[in-house]
Every structure is written in C-alpha cells, then in structure tokens.
Amino acid sequence: MVGALALSLAGCFGSSSSNSSLPGADPASVVPSSALAYAQAVIRPTGKLARDINAASERLLGIANPGAQLDGLIDKSAQGGVSYEKSIRPWLGARAGVALLSVGSGHAEAVVVLDQTDDAKARAALSTHVLFQTNGKPDTTTTGSYRGVSYVDDQTAQSVTGVVGQFVVIANNSAAFDATVDVEKGASSLASAGNYQDSLGQTLSDSAGTAYAALGRLVALIPASGVASSALSLVKGLVGNEILYGSARFDASGALLDLGSLDAPKSSSSSPSTPETNPIGSLPADSWVAIGATNVGPSLLKGLASVEKLAGGGTVNLSQSLAEIQLATGINIQADLGSITTAGFFVDGASTASPQAALELGLTDPSRASTILGQIYKLATLITSTTRSVSVGSLTAGSPSSFTLSISGFPDKLVIAAASGKIIVALGQSSLSAAVANGPTLAGSAGFKGSGALLGSGIQPVAYVDLARFATLVQGVSPSTPNAVDGYLKRLGSVAIGAGKISGSEHVRVAVRGS
C-alpha cells in the first residue's frame, strides 16, 4: 500500500492544469506536535503553481507534462487492478505529508498523510482491498478500529491504513496510526506547534513543498559510546535546539531550493567588523566550477580548536606539534592561519582532460604574502624530507615568486606562489597564469549572473557550476557520452549555491537555471 501510493504521488505531481485555487486541508493537522521531521508537498497543483512546475520541468528536463507521463507509467506497471486513475485520483486531494514521529532502539514510527476530497470513495478504495497487493497478489490483512476509526492492517507490507478525518493515513505500525487518530480527536498537532509555524514563516513563497526537522532532538537521540562520546558531545553543543526547514519553488527560469535554521546557538567567535566580499565573482569568467569563502582563517582556527578538544587526553598533543612547526618554519598558526580572509577555487580550461585549477587565499595584510610563502616553503621542505613520494622545487624570486611540489602519481606539479597579495596554489604553470591574469571575471558572465539572481536578495553566491559547458567539454573528450546524459546536463544549464541571513535566520539556497 505504501509503495503503490508513493508512486502515485510522484505520478500526479504537476499533472493538474486546472486554474482553480488549491483545495484541501493541511496534513500537518493530524501529525503529532512531537514529530521529529516532516515534509509536505503539493501533489495536485492547480493554476499558477501547476503552470510553474510544468514550465520548470520542460526547461530543465524537456518534459512538458511530467505528471501525465508518470501517471501512465504507474498504470502500465500496476498489477491486479491497481490504477491511479481509478483507485486513487477520485479521492486524492491537493497535499500530502510524510512524518517521522519517533526513533527507538531498532525501530522508527512514521506516517504518510494524504488529503482526501471524497470520504466515501476513499473508504471504498480501502474496503475493497484493491490497494493492498504485492506483486499482483492479495496481501495478508486484518481489520480493526481505534477510538472509532477503522483501519486495515497489512501484515505483508507492514502498514496500517485508514481514513482519519479528512485524510488517508498510512502508518508503518499501529502506534503511529493511533497517534494521528489521537491528534484528530484533540491532541496537539504539528500544524499548531510554535517552531513549525515559525519555520513556515521563513519558507519560500509559492513553494511546491516544505520540510521541517527538529535537528537538536534528532541528534540527542544518537547514543553515546566510547571514543565517540566526546565527538557527540561537541556536536550536541553546536546543534543545541536547532530547527531546520526547507522549501522548493519552480518557475520558467528553473528551480530554487531554500534551507534555513531556527534557534541555532550563537557563535562565540566575533564576526568581522566589516563583512568580507566573497571572492567568487573575481574568479576567471570561463570557470565551469567556482567556489568562494569568507572568514576562512577564524573558521580554520575554530576547527583546529575542536580537533584539539576531541584529541584531549589522547596520544596527539596538537599544541605541542604546532609549536614545533613554528620553531622549525617560523609559521605562527594563530597569526598566519588566522590572517587568511578569503578563499577562491576555480576549474576552467578548454578540456576536462587537462583542466586549469587554482586555489587563491586572500590575506588581511597582502604585503606579507611573500613572507608567508617563504614559511610555507620551509614547511614543505620539512615534510618532503621524510618521504620519497613528494619532492619540492626551489623557491624562485620574481613576479610571482613561487616553488613547485611534485607528487608521485599526480599528473602535474603543484605551483605555490605569492601574487597580487595572495597565496595561490595552482595545478601547473598554466593554471597559475589563469589565476593571475587580469581578464574577464565570473561577475560579468551571463550564466553566473542569471543563476545568482535566482538566489534572491540577501543571499551571496558561494559556489557555481556551469553544467552546460561541462557537458560540452565532456562530449569533446568523449564523443561516446550518451546523448541523454549530455542533453540533461545542457538543459540544467548552471547551478549556483548561496548563503546569507534573511530576517535574522541563516539560509542556504541552491538555484538551478535551465539553459
């Protein structure tokens, strides 16, 4: 039953072309307020939402009406008289939800909640048992009731299904089903829970689906044992009572996924007095992969502190090791590592077989780039003196000053250089030249600007992938690449990932802009 309906949900998504407003009740209204996680989708969209979903599907996948195609596939594969059009569509409403209610030792309780628009037809579909089949054969079932609500217990599929108020509820056990009945009879629902309501207020407008997770409570359920207990304690401290939420929106431009959090613990580290500009826009314009980060040094130091905390009492004394490195090379981890402000990484080039790639590290004091390069060179010679698999070249003066690292089995030398007030780690000399060239940048490229605009106000791009260009390059190297794969990548166009604060909450967004 659960599998058949799950397929049917996918089949009807986006299939409606009605211009009427969305009908139906909120499935979260019969989900217990204590639910650990919940996801909801509009499974029978109408009006503008339906048009947007179909437009996005056509642009990104080349499928004008995905719902109709999936409906046909479900009916074609169904056995024993199970049909979406005959058995499910007549009563299925606009929305559906899936909830994780609890997690215990070796088991979990979960429910699928489907809005239903015709009580009599929904009950008839369950009473005829046409939905309770596996491989075309009737399942072993029994019937019963809880607080006056009838259900079908499918022992073969291990599910309990019944009509609860305005919903068809499919639970993985009787306890989960009973919990939804209790809510329908007056117990507290997720729909009325404060955290859930707060998260909905932060989701995208006109979204086709939303998700919610009580991350703090989920992490608290992880049992501590042995060495893992210290790591788990650290994770619990970082997560606190955090609530995660997400939503998805589709339109003729493509798709946008938004993830956010509520009640995240405040960071103990101080934020920069002047926000740093992410360097991703200054990377080469023809990059087909680009990543940018800010506040890099403080984040690295915080990570080292966490590692040292986890290693406390162990055989590794991180502070002592770092002190020995400083004595041998002059590198002051706190000062030099903390002086890194930004990081930018790109991959470009005319072929995927011989790409150009480089990592650029910005510094609080660009004039110290050459000094820091000399310290890195001392560290590299110290490390390579203990292994034959890595060798270091001479440190050369000039513009830029640099040295090379040769790694056994690696296709090209790494070039570490100080240029333009930055430390650059490049894959070969051509990559270094691309990094220091004063040419067009991503900020001016149409693909980057278009996908970045989809992220919305307040969200700064931190990663970018030009899938269409990547597909073209792959096809040039390997003409035998399946046309379907190549075609889909080109249709997906470009992907941008961004992060930022909206109304005081941290958000991460992923935008897919079709070609």
Protein backbone atom coordinates (compact mmCIF):
# COMPACT_ATOMS: atom_id res chain seq x y z
CA MET A 1 0.00 0.00 0.00
CA VAL A 2 2.71 2.49 0.96
CA GLY A 3 4.78 1.75 -2.15
CA ALA A 4 1.81 1.99 -4.52
CA LEU A 5 0.68 5.31 -3.11
CA ALA A 6 4.21 6.74 -3.05
CA LEU A 7 4.48 6.04 -6.77
CA SER A 8 1.09 7.56 -7.33
CA LEU A 9 2.13 10.74 -5.52
CA ALA A 10 5.07 11.11 -7.86
CA GLY A 11 2.80 10.41 -10.80
CA CYS A 12 0.27 13.11 -10.01
CA PHE A 13 2.81 15.81 -9.13
CA GLY A 14 2.40 18.59 -11.66
CA SER A 15 -0.26 16.80 -13.67
CA SER A 16 -3.14 19.19 -12.98
CA SER A 17 -3.81 22.07 -15.33
CA SER A 18 -6.84 23.48 -13.54
CA ASN A 19 -6.95 27.23 -12.93
CA SER A 20 -8.84 26.87 -9.64
CA SER A 21 -7.18 27.64 -6.33
CA LEU A 22 -5.64 24.79 -4.38
CA PRO A 23 -8.22 22.91 -2.30
CA GLY A 24 -7.64 20.63 0.65
CA ALA A 25 -6.62 20.57 4.28
CA ASP A 26 -3.18 20.66 5.88
CA PRO A 27 -1.84 17.14 6.53
CA ALA A 28 0.23 18.52 9.44
CA SER A 29 -3.06 19.00 11.31
CA VAL A 30 -3.16 15.27 12.14
CA VAL A 31 0.60 14.87 12.75
CA PRO A 32 1.57 14.92 16.46
CA SER A 33 3.32 18.12 17.60
CA SER A 34 6.20 15.96 18.85
CA ALA A 35 7.14 14.82 15.31
CA LEU A 36 10.90 14.76 14.71
CA ALA A 37 10.71 15.52 11.00
CA TYR A 38 8.03 16.36 8.46
CA ALA A 39 7.88 17.05 4.72
CA GLN A 40 4.89 18.22 2.73
CA ALA A 41 4.27 18.66 -0.99
CA VAL A 42 1.52 19.94 -3.24
CA ILE A 43 0.76 16.78 -5.16
CA ARG A 44 -2.13 18.06 -7.27
CA PRO A 45 -1.19 21.64 -8.10
CA THR A 46 -3.54 23.95 -9.92
CA GLY A 47 -3.39 27.38 -11.51
CA LYS A 48 -0.09 29.26 -11.44
CA LEU A 49 1.69 26.60 -9.34
CA ALA A 50 0.85 23.88 -11.87
CA ARG A 51 1.98 26.09 -14.76
CA ASP A 52 5.25 26.91 -12.99
CA ILE A 53 6.00 23.25 -12.25
CA ASN A 54 5.30 22.23 -15.83
CA ALA A 55 7.39 25.13 -17.18
CA ALA A 56 10.33 24.19 -14.96
CA SER A 57 10.06 20.54 -15.96
CA GLU A 58 10.04 21.43 -19.64
CA ARG A 59 13.05 23.74 -19.30
CA LEU A 60 15.16 21.52 -17.04
CA LEU A 61 14.11 18.05 -18.23
CA GLY A 62 12.47 18.58 -21.61
CA ILE A 63 9.19 17.12 -20.28
CA ALA A 64 6.18 19.40 -20.76
CA ASN A 65 3.76 17.48 -18.51
CA PRO A 66 5.70 15.21 -16.12
CA GLY A 67 2.64 14.25 -14.09
CA ALA A 68 0.77 12.80 -17.05
CA GLN A 69 3.77 10.74 -18.15
CA LEU A 70 4.35 9.34 -14.68
CA ASP A 71 0.63 8.55 -14.29
CA GLY A 72 0.85 6.47 -17.45
CA LEU A 73 3.98 4.64 -16.26
CA ILE A 74 2.32 3.78 -12.94
CA ASP A 75 -0.81 2.43 -14.62
CA LYS A 76 1.31 0.44 -17.07
CA SER A 77 3.32 -1.21 -14.29
CA ALA A 78 0.40 -1.74 -11.88
CA GLN A 79 -0.96 -5.24 -11.33
CA GLY A 80 -4.20 -6.73 -10.09
CA GLY A 81 -6.42 -3.79 -10.98
CA VAL A 82 -4.45 -1.09 -9.12
CA SER A 83 -4.84 2.10 -11.15
CA TYR A 84 -4.06 5.68 -10.22
CA GLU A 85 -6.93 6.99 -12.37
CA LYS A 86 -9.50 4.51 -11.00
CA SER A 87 -8.31 3.73 -7.47
CA ILE A 88 -6.61 6.89 -6.19
CA ARG A 89 -7.27 10.00 -8.25
CA PRO A 90 -11.05 10.06 -7.50
CA TRP A 91 -10.39 10.85 -3.82
CA LEU A 92 -6.87 12.26 -3.66
CA GLY A 93 -6.63 15.89 -2.53
CA ALA A 94 -4.10 18.64 -3.10
CA ARG A 95 -1.46 17.94 -0.46
CA ALA A 96 0.45 15.08 1.13
CA GLY A 97 2.82 14.88 4.08
CA VAL A 98 5.36 12.40 5.43
CA ALA A 99 6.33 12.48 9.11
CA LEU A 100 8.89 10.75 11.30
CA LEU A 101 7.22 10.52 14.69
CA SER A 102 9.81 8.74 16.81
CA VAL A 103 13.00 6.71 16.68
CA GLY A 104 13.75 3.94 19.15
CA SER A 105 16.09 1.02 19.52
CA GLY A 106 15.90 -0.75 16.17
CA HIS A 107 12.63 0.82 15.08
CA ALA A 108 11.01 4.06 13.92
CA GLU A 109 7.44 5.26 13.67
CA ALA A 110 6.39 7.11 10.52
CA VAL A 111 3.23 8.09 8.67
CA VAL A 112 2.16 9.26 5.22
CA VAL A 113 -0.84 11.62 5.34
CA LEU A 114 -2.88 12.25 2.18
CA ASP A 115 -5.52 14.91 1.85
CA GLN A 116 -8.71 13.30 0.53
CA THR A 117 -11.61 15.10 -1.12
CA ASP A 118 -14.21 12.32 -1.21
CA ASP A 119 -14.65 10.42 2.04
CA ALA A 120 -16.92 7.75 0.54
CA LYS A 121 -14.56 6.96 -2.37
CA ALA A 122 -11.51 6.88 -0.08
CA ARG A 123 -13.23 4.43 2.27
CA ALA A 124 -14.40 2.35 -0.69
CA ALA A 125 -10.85 2.10 -2.06
CA LEU A 126 -9.67 0.76 1.31
CA SER A 127 -12.62 -1.57 1.89
CA THR A 128 -12.26 -3.31 -1.48
CA HIS A 129 -8.60 -4.08 -0.59
CA VAL A 130 -7.60 -3.45 -4.21
CA LEU A 131 -4.73 -1.29 -2.89
CA PHE A 132 -3.36 -3.99 -0.62
CA GLN A 133 -1.46 -6.14 -3.10
CA THR A 134 2.12 -7.22 -3.60
CA ASN A 135 3.28 -8.49 -7.00
CA GLY A 136 -0.35 -8.72 -8.10
CA LYS A 137 -1.35 -10.99 -5.23
CA PRO A 138 -3.61 -10.02 -2.30
CA ASP A 139 -1.74 -9.20 0.91
CA THR A 140 -2.49 -10.76 4.27
CA THR A 141 -4.69 -8.21 6.05
CA THR A 142 -6.88 -7.80 9.10
CA THR A 143 -9.28 -5.01 10.01
CA GLY A 144 -9.80 -3.20 13.28
CA SER A 145 -10.56 0.16 14.83
CA TYR A 146 -9.08 2.61 17.30
CA ARG A 147 -11.26 5.19 19.06
CA GLY A 148 -13.95 4.54 16.47
CA VAL A 149 -11.62 4.94 13.45
CA SER A 150 -11.44 1.86 11.21
CA TYR A 151 -8.17 0.65 9.71
CA VAL A 152 -6.67 -2.11 7.58
CA ASP A 153 -3.57 -3.80 8.98
CA ASP A 154 -1.49 -5.10 6.05
CA GLN A 155 0.88 -7.71 7.51
CA THR A 156 2.58 -8.30 4.16
CA ALA A 157 3.51 -4.65 3.61
CA GLN A 158 3.74 -3.93 7.36
CA SER A 159 1.44 -0.93 7.20
CA VAL A 160 -1.73 0.27 8.91
CA THR A 161 -4.07 2.39 6.78
CA GLY A 162 -7.32 4.18 7.48
CA VAL A 163 -9.35 7.33 6.90
CA VAL A 164 -8.63 9.78 9.74
CA GLY A 165 -10.88 12.80 9.44
CA GLN A 166 -10.16 14.45 6.09
CA PHE A 167 -7.07 12.34 5.47
CA VAL A 168 -5.97 8.89 4.42
CA VAL A 169 -3.21 7.90 6.82
CA ILE A 170 -0.67 5.18 6.05
CA ALA A 171 1.46 4.25 9.06
CA ASN A 172 4.28 1.75 9.41
CA ASN A 173 2.78 0.39 12.64
CA SER A 174 -0.33 0.66 14.79
CA ALA A 175 1.26 3.03 17.31
CA ALA A 176 2.00 5.58 14.59
CA PHE A 177 -1.53 5.28 13.19
CA ASP A 178 -3.07 5.65 16.65
CA ALA A 179 -1.03 8.82 17.24
CA THR A 180 -2.68 10.52 14.23
CA VAL A 181 -6.12 9.47 15.47
CA ASP A 182 -5.32 10.97 18.88
CA VAL A 183 -4.45 14.28 17.19
CA GLU A 184 -7.66 14.20 15.15
CA LYS A 185 -9.53 13.64 18.42
CA GLY A 186 -7.96 16.72 20.03
CA ALA A 187 -4.29 16.09 20.90
CA SER A 188 -1.74 18.78 19.98
CA SER A 189 -0.84 18.88 16.27
CA LEU A 190 2.34 19.84 14.46
CA ALA A 191 0.36 22.42 12.48
CA SER A 192 -0.21 24.39 15.68
CA ALA A 193 3.31 23.95 17.12
CA GLY A 194 5.25 27.21 17.53
CA ASN A 195 8.54 26.04 15.98
CA TYR A 196 6.76 24.61 12.97
CA GLN A 197 4.76 27.78 12.45
CA ASP A 198 7.92 29.88 12.77
CA SER A 199 9.69 27.75 10.18
CA LEU A 200 6.77 28.06 7.73
CA GLY A 201 7.02 31.81 8.04
CA GLN A 202 10.58 31.62 6.68
CA THR A 203 9.92 29.39 3.68
CA LEU A 204 9.75 30.49 0.04
CA SER A 205 6.52 31.98 -1.23
CA ASP A 206 4.65 29.91 -3.84
CA SER A 207 6.62 26.84 -2.76
CA ALA A 208 5.65 23.41 -4.09
CA GLY A 209 6.91 21.66 -0.96
CA THR A 210 8.27 22.30 2.52
CA ALA A 211 10.31 20.32 5.06
CA TYR A 212 10.92 20.57 8.81
CA ALA A 213 13.29 18.75 11.17
CA ALA A 214 13.93 19.10 14.90
CA LEU A 215 17.67 18.59 14.41
CA GLY A 216 18.55 19.14 18.06
CA ARG A 217 16.15 16.42 19.19
CA LEU A 218 17.31 14.05 16.44
CA VAL A 219 20.96 14.45 17.44
CA ALA A 220 20.04 13.96 21.10
CA LEU A 221 18.70 10.51 20.19
CA ILE A 222 22.12 9.32 19.00
CA PRO A 223 23.53 7.02 21.70
CA ALA A 224 26.98 7.95 23.06
CA SER A 225 29.56 5.18 23.26
CA GLY A 226 33.30 5.03 23.93
CA VAL A 227 35.53 7.33 21.92
CA ALA A 228 32.55 8.72 20.02
CA SER A 229 31.07 10.28 23.16
CA SER A 230 33.36 13.34 23.09
CA ALA A 231 32.62 13.98 19.42
CA LEU A 232 28.91 13.52 20.04
CA SER A 233 29.02 15.92 22.97
CA LEU A 234 30.68 18.53 20.75
CA VAL A 235 28.06 18.05 18.02
CA LYS A 236 25.21 18.34 20.52
CA GLY A 237 26.72 21.56 21.85
CA LEU A 238 26.96 23.02 18.34
CA VAL A 239 23.45 21.97 17.33
CA GLY A 240 21.63 22.92 20.52
CA ASN A 241 17.87 23.19 19.88
CA GLU A 242 18.28 23.93 16.20
CA ILE A 243 15.30 23.55 13.88
CA LEU A 244 15.97 23.04 10.17
CA TYR A 245 13.44 23.85 7.48
CA GLY A 246 13.37 23.87 3.71
CA SER A 247 11.17 24.67 0.72
CA ALA A 248 11.27 24.39 -3.06
CA ARG A 249 9.94 26.67 -5.77
CA PHE A 250 9.71 26.16 -9.53
CA ASP A 251 9.11 28.54 -12.41
CA ALA A 252 10.00 29.09 -16.05
CA SER A 253 13.58 30.03 -15.09
CA GLY A 254 14.30 26.78 -13.24
CA ALA A 255 14.19 25.66 -9.62
CA LEU A 256 15.14 27.12 -6.24
CA LEU A 257 15.72 25.14 -3.03
CA ASP A 258 15.95 27.01 0.27
CA LEU A 259 17.31 25.62 3.57
CA GLY A 260 17.26 27.57 6.81
CA SER A 261 17.52 27.18 10.56
CA LEU A 262 15.87 28.43 13.74
CA ASP A 263 17.25 28.59 17.27
CA ALA A 264 20.85 27.96 16.19
CA PRO A 265 23.33 28.62 19.03
CA LYS A 266 25.10 31.96 18.79
CA SER A 267 28.73 31.67 17.71
CA SER A 268 31.25 32.52 20.40
CA SER A 269 33.69 33.87 17.83
CA SER A 270 33.40 37.52 16.94
CA SER A 271 32.32 38.42 13.44
CA PRO A 272 34.46 40.70 11.28
CA SER A 273 33.62 44.37 11.85
CA THR A 274 33.42 44.82 8.09
CA PRO A 275 31.74 41.96 6.18
CA GLU A 276 34.09 40.40 3.64
CA THR A 277 33.13 40.22 -0.03
CA ASN A 278 33.06 36.68 -1.34
CA PRO A 279 35.81 36.33 -3.98
CA ILE A 280 33.82 34.01 -6.27
CA GLY A 281 32.84 36.83 -8.63
CA SER A 282 36.50 37.75 -9.24
CA LEU A 283 37.46 34.27 -10.49
CA PRO A 284 38.01 33.71 -14.26
CA ALA A 285 34.88 34.17 -16.38
CA ASP A 286 35.20 30.81 -18.14
CA SER A 287 35.33 28.80 -14.90
CA TRP A 288 32.97 25.84 -15.02
CA VAL A 289 33.42 25.20 -11.30
CA ALA A 290 33.92 28.03 -8.82
CA ILE A 291 33.81 28.18 -5.02
CA GLY A 292 34.33 31.16 -2.71
CA ALA A 293 34.51 31.51 1.07
CA THR A 294 34.92 34.30 3.61
CA ASN A 295 36.08 34.39 7.24
CA VAL A 296 38.38 31.49 6.37
CA GLY A 297 41.15 31.97 8.95
CA PRO A 298 38.92 32.22 12.04
CA SER A 299 36.93 29.22 10.81
CA LEU A 300 40.11 27.16 10.40
CA LEU A 301 41.31 28.13 13.86
CA LYS A 302 37.94 27.19 15.31
CA GLY A 303 38.21 23.82 13.55
CA LEU A 304 41.68 23.25 14.99
CA ALA A 305 40.38 24.07 18.45
CA SER A 306 37.63 21.49 18.00
CA VAL A 307 40.16 18.88 16.86
CA GLU A 308 42.33 19.63 19.88
CA LYS A 309 39.31 19.31 22.16
CA LEU A 310 38.41 15.94 20.65
CA ALA A 311 42.02 14.76 20.94
CA GLY A 312 42.27 15.86 24.57
CA GLY A 313 43.75 13.11 26.69
CA GLY A 314 44.91 11.20 23.61
CA THR A 315 48.38 10.46 22.30
CA VAL A 316 48.38 13.51 19.99
CA ASN A 317 49.32 16.87 21.53
CA LEU A 318 48.23 19.31 18.84
CA SER A 319 49.51 22.42 20.63
CA GLN A 320 52.96 20.89 21.02
CA SER A 321 53.03 19.83 17.36
CA LEU A 322 52.10 23.33 16.20
CA ALA A 323 54.78 24.84 18.47
CA GLU A 324 57.40 22.56 16.90
CA ILE A 325 56.28 23.59 13.40
CA GLN A 326 56.59 27.27 14.35
CA LEU A 327 60.10 26.69 15.72
CA ALA A 328 61.21 24.96 12.50
CA THR A 329 59.50 27.18 9.92
CA GLY A 330 58.52 30.45 11.57
CA ILE A 331 54.82 29.82 10.88
CA ASN A 332 52.68 31.16 13.70
CA ILE A 333 49.47 29.19 13.34
CA GLN A 334 47.32 31.60 15.31
CA ALA A 335 48.63 34.68 13.49
CA ASP A 336 49.35 33.36 9.99
CA LEU A 337 46.48 30.93 9.60
CA GLY A 338 44.14 33.44 11.18
CA SER A 339 45.27 36.10 8.69
CA ILE A 340 43.59 34.27 5.80
CA THR A 341 40.48 36.25 4.96
CA THR A 342 39.01 34.65 1.83
CA ALA A 343 39.44 31.58 -0.35
CA GLY A 344 38.53 31.19 -4.01
CA PHE A 345 38.80 27.98 -6.04
CA PHE A 346 38.14 27.56 -9.75
CA VAL A 347 38.36 24.97 -12.50
CA ASP A 348 38.41 26.08 -16.11
CA GLY A 349 40.19 25.24 -19.34
CA ALA A 350 39.27 24.08 -22.81
CA SER A 351 39.09 20.39 -21.88
CA THR A 352 38.12 18.23 -18.91
CA ALA A 353 41.15 16.07 -19.73
CA SER A 354 43.58 18.91 -18.96
CA PRO A 355 41.78 21.40 -16.72
CA GLN A 356 43.20 24.52 -15.15
CA ALA A 357 42.57 24.76 -11.41
CA ALA A 358 43.80 27.00 -8.62
CA LEU A 359 43.10 27.97 -5.01
CA GLU A 360 43.52 31.66 -4.11
CA LEU A 361 43.89 32.72 -0.46
CA GLY A 362 43.35 36.37 0.48
CA LEU A 363 45.22 37.88 3.45
CA THR A 364 44.49 40.60 5.99
CA ASP A 365 47.90 42.07 5.14
CA PRO A 366 48.63 41.46 1.43
CA SER A 367 52.19 42.79 1.86
CA ARG A 368 53.06 39.67 3.91
CA ALA A 369 52.27 37.26 1.06
CA SER A 370 55.94 36.72 0.14
CA THR A 371 56.94 36.21 3.79
CA ILE A 372 54.19 33.65 4.32
CA LEU A 373 55.20 31.90 1.08
CA GLY A 374 58.74 31.54 2.43
CA GLN A 375 57.37 29.97 5.62
CA ILE A 376 55.22 27.56 3.61
CA TYR A 377 58.31 26.63 1.60
CA LYS A 378 60.20 25.77 4.82
CA LEU A 379 57.26 23.64 5.95
CA ALA A 380 57.14 21.86 2.58
CA THR A 381 60.87 21.05 2.66
CA LEU A 382 60.49 19.78 6.22
CA ILE A 383 57.65 17.45 5.22
CA THR A 384 59.22 16.23 1.99
CA SER A 385 62.46 15.34 3.79
CA THR A 386 60.60 12.44 5.40
CA THR A 387 59.05 10.94 2.24
CA ARG A 388 60.07 10.00 -1.28
CA SER A 389 56.59 10.37 -2.75
CA VAL A 390 56.73 14.18 -2.65
CA SER A 391 59.55 16.47 -3.78
CA VAL A 392 59.85 20.24 -3.58
CA GLY A 393 61.44 22.54 -6.14
CA SER A 394 63.47 25.64 -5.46
CA LEU A 395 61.86 28.85 -4.25
CA THR A 396 62.23 31.35 -7.08
CA ALA A 397 62.11 35.13 -6.74
CA GLY A 398 60.27 37.22 -9.25
CA SER A 399 56.74 38.19 -10.08
CA PRO A 400 55.26 35.99 -8.89
CA SER A 401 57.65 34.23 -6.51
CA SER A 402 56.89 30.51 -6.32
CA PHE A 403 58.02 26.93 -5.80
CA THR A 404 56.72 23.60 -7.04
CA LEU A 405 55.60 20.37 -5.40
CA SER A 406 55.84 17.11 -7.35
CA ILE A 407 53.63 14.33 -6.02
CA SER A 408 54.16 10.74 -7.14
CA GLY A 409 51.34 9.64 -9.45
CA PHE A 410 49.92 13.17 -9.77
CA PRO A 411 49.55 14.34 -13.41
CA ASP A 412 51.05 17.81 -12.92
CA LYS A 413 53.16 19.78 -10.48
CA LEU A 414 51.52 22.00 -7.91
CA VAL A 415 52.78 25.57 -8.05
CA ILE A 416 52.60 27.56 -4.81
CA ALA A 417 53.04 31.28 -5.39
CA ALA A 418 52.68 34.74 -3.84
CA ALA A 419 50.96 37.06 -6.30
CA SER A 420 48.71 40.11 -6.07
CA GLY A 421 48.86 39.96 -2.28
CA LYS A 422 47.52 36.40 -2.24
CA ILE A 423 48.84 32.88 -1.75
CA ILE A 424 47.96 30.80 -4.81
CA VAL A 425 48.10 27.00 -5.13
CA ALA A 426 47.78 26.12 -8.81
CA LEU A 427 47.75 22.95 -10.90
CA GLY A 428 50.70 23.67 -13.15
CA GLN A 429 52.03 26.92 -14.62
CA SER A 430 49.08 27.40 -16.99
CA SER A 431 46.68 27.37 -14.02
CA LEU A 432 48.83 29.94 -12.23
CA SER A 433 48.75 32.14 -15.33
CA ALA A 434 44.94 31.86 -15.42
CA ALA A 435 44.76 32.82 -11.74
CA VAL A 436 46.87 35.95 -12.06
CA ALA A 437 45.58 37.06 -15.47
CA ASN A 438 43.69 40.35 -15.42
CA GLY A 439 40.88 39.15 -17.69
CA PRO A 440 37.07 38.89 -17.62
CA THR A 441 35.61 37.56 -14.37
CA LEU A 442 32.62 35.45 -13.37
CA ALA A 443 30.81 38.53 -12.09
CA GLY A 444 30.34 39.58 -15.70
CA SER A 445 29.31 36.22 -17.16
CA ALA A 446 25.66 35.69 -18.12
CA GLY A 447 25.38 32.22 -16.57
CA PHE A 448 26.75 33.29 -13.19
CA LYS A 449 24.63 36.44 -13.07
CA GLY A 450 21.48 34.59 -14.12
CA SER A 451 21.73 31.74 -11.62
CA GLY A 452 22.93 34.13 -8.90
CA ALA A 453 19.86 36.32 -9.43
CA LEU A 454 17.60 33.32 -8.75
CA LEU A 455 19.08 33.05 -5.25
CA GLY A 456 17.30 36.24 -4.24
CA SER A 457 18.13 39.31 -2.19
CA GLY A 458 20.39 38.83 0.81
CA ILE A 459 21.93 35.61 -0.48
CA GLN A 460 25.54 35.77 -1.68
CA PRO A 461 26.74 33.12 -4.18
CA VAL A 462 29.41 30.83 -2.72
CA ALA A 463 29.58 28.10 -5.38
CA TYR A 464 28.83 27.85 -9.09
CA VAL A 465 28.81 25.02 -11.64
CA ASP A 466 28.28 25.55 -15.36
CA LEU A 467 26.77 22.17 -16.24
CA ALA A 468 26.07 23.09 -19.86
CA ARG A 469 29.72 23.99 -20.52
CA PHE A 470 30.91 20.95 -18.60
CA ALA A 471 28.71 18.73 -20.82
CA THR A 472 30.16 20.31 -23.95
CA LEU A 473 33.72 19.74 -22.73
CA VAL A 474 33.00 16.12 -21.75
CA GLN A 475 31.46 15.43 -25.14
CA GLY A 476 34.56 16.88 -26.82
CA VAL A 477 36.81 14.48 -24.91
CA SER A 478 34.44 11.51 -25.09
CA PRO A 479 32.06 11.66 -28.08
CA SER A 480 30.56 8.35 -26.92
CA THR A 481 28.93 10.08 -23.93
CA PRO A 482 25.21 9.12 -24.02
CA ASN A 483 23.11 11.84 -25.63
CA ALA A 484 20.60 11.60 -22.78
CA VAL A 485 23.23 12.45 -20.16
CA ASP A 486 24.73 15.20 -22.29
CA GLY A 487 21.29 16.60 -23.11
CA TYR A 488 20.12 16.72 -19.49
CA LEU A 489 23.28 18.46 -18.31
CA LYS A 490 22.93 21.08 -21.01
CA ARG A 491 19.28 21.63 -20.14
CA LEU A 492 20.07 22.04 -16.45
CA GLY A 493 22.34 24.90 -17.51
CA SER A 494 24.02 26.26 -14.38
CA VAL A 495 23.77 25.74 -10.62
CA ALA A 496 24.50 28.39 -8.01
CA ILE A 497 24.72 27.83 -4.25
CA GLY A 498 24.41 30.81 -1.94
CA ALA A 499 24.32 31.62 1.76
CA GLY A 500 23.23 34.58 3.85
CA LYS A 501 20.88 35.90 6.51
CA ILE A 502 17.22 36.67 5.92
CA SER A 503 15.17 38.08 8.81
CA GLY A 504 17.92 37.05 11.22
CA SER A 505 17.99 33.38 10.14
CA GLU A 506 20.82 31.67 8.29
CA HIS A 507 19.84 30.41 4.83
CA VAL A 508 21.48 28.24 2.18
CA ARG A 509 19.95 28.22 -1.28
CA VAL A 510 20.50 26.19 -4.44
CA ALA A 511 19.34 27.65 -7.75
CA VAL A 512 19.19 25.65 -10.98
CA ARG A 513 18.86 27.89 -14.03
CA GLY A 514 17.92 26.00 -17.16
CA SER A 515 19.57 26.73 -20.47
